[in-house]
């Protein structure tokens, strides 16, 4: 109970409707597919922005262009202090999207060697975290979201989603790749959506 009592504020997360709008908008635009894959990957794994942009083609794909089920991270939060390997699990949906992205990169003549960046800027360089944050702001506006969230809210959305679906704090901790469960407890906050649903079910 002490851990729950220590949580003072819920993390800012996207609603299910906002996620759907964001993915639909980026998926419909030809110039948005890179970001569509970036957001899908973040929502499916909880990867942080610097972890996402550090990914190379060889981290995600085998020699045949098939996306791995498990992706071993070479760059992750705390890697200098705690260099133990970390990995994330990719869903079938995200693997299909990433494989399509790889085919698109190959058709456009981009380097798809093992050490090539997975996510490229418009200039053909590795995407930067600043560009990720700017793009996220732009796509929120295009999607018609009524509020503005920072990119870290995508990680909060993913981790909160795991807890809401499982109510398993240890599983959520493993998904979030957090050493202390005290850091994971923040994702146990009930959402406004959950409050609406339970209120509608009350006998009255």
Protein backbone atom coordinates (compact mmCIF):
# COMPACT_ATOMS: atom_id res chain seq x y z
CA UNK A 1 0.00 0.00 0.00
CA UNK A 2 2.90 2.38 0.66
CA UNK A 3 3.91 2.25 -3.00
CA UNK A 4 0.41 3.21 -4.11
CA UNK A 5 0.27 6.00 -1.54
CA UNK A 6 3.50 7.46 -2.95
CA UNK A 7 1.97 8.02 -6.39
CA UNK A 8 0.80 11.62 -6.52
CA UNK A 9 -0.01 12.21 -10.19
CA UNK A 10 -1.00 10.06 -13.13
CA UNK A 11 1.20 10.17 -16.25
CA UNK A 12 -0.20 11.96 -19.28
CA UNK A 13 -1.35 9.38 -21.81
CA UNK A 14 -3.20 9.32 -25.10
CA UNK A 15 -6.75 8.04 -25.07
CA UNK A 16 -7.73 5.11 -27.28
CA UNK A 17 -9.47 7.57 -29.60
CA UNK A 18 -6.36 9.76 -29.84
CA UNK A 19 -4.17 6.74 -30.61
CA UNK A 20 -6.57 5.66 -33.36
CA UNK A 21 -6.65 9.17 -34.86
CA UNK A 22 -2.87 9.49 -34.78
CA UNK A 23 -2.26 6.11 -36.40
CA UNK A 24 -4.99 6.58 -38.99
CA UNK A 25 -3.73 10.03 -39.99
CA UNK A 26 -0.08 8.98 -40.31
CA UNK A 27 -1.11 5.79 -42.09
CA UNK A 28 -3.15 7.63 -44.70
CA UNK A 29 -0.41 10.08 -45.68
CA UNK A 30 2.27 8.82 -48.04
CA UNK A 31 4.85 10.99 -46.28
CA UNK A 32 3.68 9.80 -42.87
CA UNK A 33 4.44 6.08 -43.04
CA UNK A 34 7.85 6.41 -41.39
CA UNK A 35 6.25 8.17 -38.44
CA UNK A 36 3.33 5.74 -38.48
CA UNK A 37 5.84 2.90 -37.96
CA UNK A 38 7.73 4.91 -35.34
CA UNK A 39 4.57 5.54 -33.30
CA UNK A 40 3.33 1.97 -33.70
CA UNK A 41 6.68 0.65 -32.50
CA UNK A 42 6.67 3.00 -29.52
CA UNK A 43 3.09 2.08 -28.60
CA UNK A 44 3.86 -1.64 -28.86
CA UNK A 45 7.12 -1.63 -26.91
CA UNK A 46 7.29 1.46 -24.70
CA UNK A 47 10.62 2.43 -26.27
CA UNK A 48 11.86 5.91 -25.44
CA UNK A 49 12.64 8.42 -28.20
CA UNK A 50 16.43 8.02 -27.92
CA UNK A 51 16.06 4.24 -27.98
CA UNK A 52 13.92 4.40 -31.11
CA UNK A 53 16.25 6.62 -33.14
CA UNK A 54 19.28 4.51 -32.15
CA UNK A 55 17.85 1.39 -33.82
CA UNK A 56 19.72 0.05 -36.83
CA UNK A 57 18.31 -2.15 -39.57
CA UNK A 58 20.31 -5.11 -38.28
CA UNK A 59 18.83 -4.72 -34.79
CA UNK A 60 15.34 -5.34 -36.12
CA UNK A 61 15.69 -7.54 -39.23
CA UNK A 62 17.43 -10.74 -40.22
CA UNK A 63 19.31 -11.20 -43.51
CA UNK A 64 16.07 -12.00 -45.38
CA UNK A 65 14.35 -8.82 -44.25
CA UNK A 66 12.15 -10.52 -41.67
CA UNK A 67 11.56 -8.60 -38.45
CA UNK A 68 12.75 -10.33 -35.29
CA UNK A 69 10.29 -11.34 -32.59
CA UNK A 70 12.74 -10.06 -29.96
CA UNK A 71 14.83 -6.96 -30.58
CA UNK A 72 18.01 -6.60 -28.53
CA UNK A 73 18.73 -2.99 -27.64
CA UNK A 74 22.23 -1.54 -27.89
CA UNK A 75 21.12 1.88 -26.63
CA UNK A 76 18.74 2.18 -23.71
CA UNK A 77 18.22 4.28 -20.58
CA UNK A 78 20.91 3.59 -18.01
CA UNK A 79 23.02 1.50 -20.36
CA UNK A 80 26.25 3.05 -19.11
CA UNK A 81 25.48 2.32 -15.45
CA UNK A 82 23.68 -1.00 -16.01
CA UNK A 83 24.98 -2.52 -19.24
CA UNK A 84 23.04 -5.77 -18.92
CA UNK A 85 21.34 -6.47 -22.28
CA UNK A 86 17.76 -5.37 -22.74
CA UNK A 87 15.28 -6.48 -25.35
CA UNK A 88 11.72 -5.78 -26.42
CA UNK A 89 9.10 -8.05 -27.92
CA UNK A 90 7.46 -7.10 -31.22
CA UNK A 91 3.85 -7.93 -31.99
CA UNK A 92 2.93 -9.46 -35.34
CA UNK A 93 1.21 -6.22 -36.37
CA UNK A 94 4.29 -4.11 -35.76
CA UNK A 95 6.56 -6.64 -37.46
CA UNK A 96 4.43 -6.47 -40.62
CA UNK A 97 4.55 -2.67 -40.61
CA UNK A 98 8.32 -2.62 -40.14
CA UNK A 99 8.82 -5.15 -42.93
CA UNK A 100 6.78 -2.89 -45.22
CA UNK A 101 8.95 0.06 -44.13
CA UNK A 102 12.09 -1.90 -45.01
CA UNK A 103 10.73 -2.73 -48.46
CA UNK A 104 9.90 0.95 -48.97
CA UNK A 105 13.40 2.00 -47.90
CA UNK A 106 14.92 -0.52 -50.30
CA UNK A 107 12.73 0.66 -53.20
CA UNK A 108 13.82 4.25 -52.55
CA UNK A 109 17.47 3.28 -52.72
CA UNK A 110 18.27 3.78 -49.04
CA UNK A 111 21.01 1.82 -47.34
CA UNK A 112 19.45 -1.21 -45.65
CA UNK A 113 22.66 -2.77 -44.38
CA UNK A 114 22.84 -4.01 -40.78
CA UNK A 115 24.46 -0.80 -39.49
CA UNK A 116 22.17 1.59 -41.39
CA UNK A 117 19.72 3.66 -39.29
CA UNK A 118 16.20 2.27 -39.23
CA UNK A 119 14.55 5.70 -39.15
CA UNK A 120 15.88 8.35 -41.51
CA UNK A 121 15.31 12.09 -41.73
CA UNK A 122 14.24 13.68 -45.02
CA UNK A 123 17.92 14.37 -45.68
CA UNK A 124 18.75 10.67 -45.40
CA UNK A 125 20.46 10.98 -42.03
CA UNK A 126 19.60 9.25 -38.77
CA UNK A 127 16.43 10.74 -37.34
CA UNK A 128 17.12 12.90 -34.28
CA UNK A 129 15.12 13.07 -31.07
CA UNK A 130 14.41 16.74 -31.82
CA UNK A 131 12.89 15.76 -35.15
CA UNK A 132 10.83 13.05 -33.44
CA UNK A 133 9.40 15.58 -30.99
CA UNK A 134 8.67 18.11 -33.73
CA UNK A 135 7.02 15.51 -35.96
CA UNK A 136 4.86 14.28 -33.10
CA UNK A 137 3.61 17.82 -32.52
CA UNK A 138 2.81 18.27 -36.22
CA UNK A 139 0.95 14.96 -36.53
CA UNK A 140 -1.14 15.69 -33.44
CA UNK A 141 -2.35 18.85 -35.13
CA UNK A 142 -3.03 17.07 -38.42
CA UNK A 143 -4.95 14.35 -36.60
CA UNK A 144 -7.14 16.97 -34.94
CA UNK A 145 -6.18 16.16 -31.36
CA UNK A 146 -7.64 18.76 -29.03
CA UNK A 147 -4.65 18.81 -26.68
CA UNK A 148 -0.88 18.69 -27.10
CA UNK A 149 1.20 15.93 -25.50
CA UNK A 150 4.95 15.39 -25.54
CA UNK A 151 6.44 12.29 -27.13
CA UNK A 152 7.16 10.62 -23.80
CA UNK A 153 3.41 10.31 -23.35
CA UNK A 154 3.55 7.53 -25.98
CA UNK A 155 5.70 5.43 -23.65
CA UNK A 156 3.34 6.23 -20.76
CA UNK A 157 0.41 5.16 -22.96
CA UNK A 158 2.07 1.84 -23.78
CA UNK A 159 3.01 1.00 -20.19
CA UNK A 160 -0.36 2.10 -18.83
CA UNK A 161 -2.05 -0.01 -21.50
CA UNK A 162 -0.20 -3.13 -20.32
CA UNK A 163 -1.30 -2.57 -16.74
CA UNK A 164 -4.92 -1.83 -17.67
CA UNK A 165 -5.14 -5.04 -19.70
CA UNK A 166 -3.46 -7.29 -17.14
CA UNK A 167 -3.62 -5.58 -13.72
CA UNK A 168 -0.20 -7.23 -13.27
CA UNK A 169 2.33 -4.75 -11.87
CA UNK A 170 5.26 -7.16 -12.28
CA UNK A 171 4.45 -7.79 -15.92
CA UNK A 172 4.16 -4.04 -16.46
CA UNK A 173 7.54 -3.55 -14.77
CA UNK A 174 9.10 -6.07 -17.13
CA UNK A 175 7.48 -4.42 -20.15
CA UNK A 176 8.67 -0.98 -19.03
CA UNK A 177 12.18 -2.34 -18.34
CA UNK A 178 12.33 -0.58 -15.00
CA UNK A 179 14.67 -1.79 -12.26
CA UNK A 180 12.47 -0.58 -9.41
CA UNK A 181 8.78 -1.37 -9.14
CA UNK A 182 8.36 1.99 -7.39
CA UNK A 183 8.80 3.58 -10.82
CA UNK A 184 6.18 1.29 -12.35
CA UNK A 185 3.43 2.06 -9.84
CA UNK A 186 2.68 5.31 -11.68
CA UNK A 187 0.98 3.23 -14.38
CA UNK A 188 -1.64 1.89 -11.96
CA UNK A 189 -3.57 5.18 -11.99
CA UNK A 190 -7.15 4.69 -13.24
CA UNK A 191 -7.96 6.62 -16.39
CA UNK A 192 -10.87 8.94 -17.14
CA UNK A 193 -12.07 6.33 -19.67
CA UNK A 194 -12.15 3.65 -16.99
CA UNK A 195 -14.05 5.97 -14.65
CA UNK A 196 -16.65 6.64 -17.35
CA UNK A 197 -17.09 2.93 -18.06
CA UNK A 198 -17.50 1.91 -14.43
CA UNK A 199 -19.87 4.83 -13.78
CA UNK A 200 -22.09 3.75 -16.67
CA UNK A 201 -22.30 0.26 -15.16
CA UNK A 202 -23.42 1.41 -11.73
CA UNK A 203 -27.00 0.56 -10.78
CA UNK A 204 -29.01 3.73 -10.36
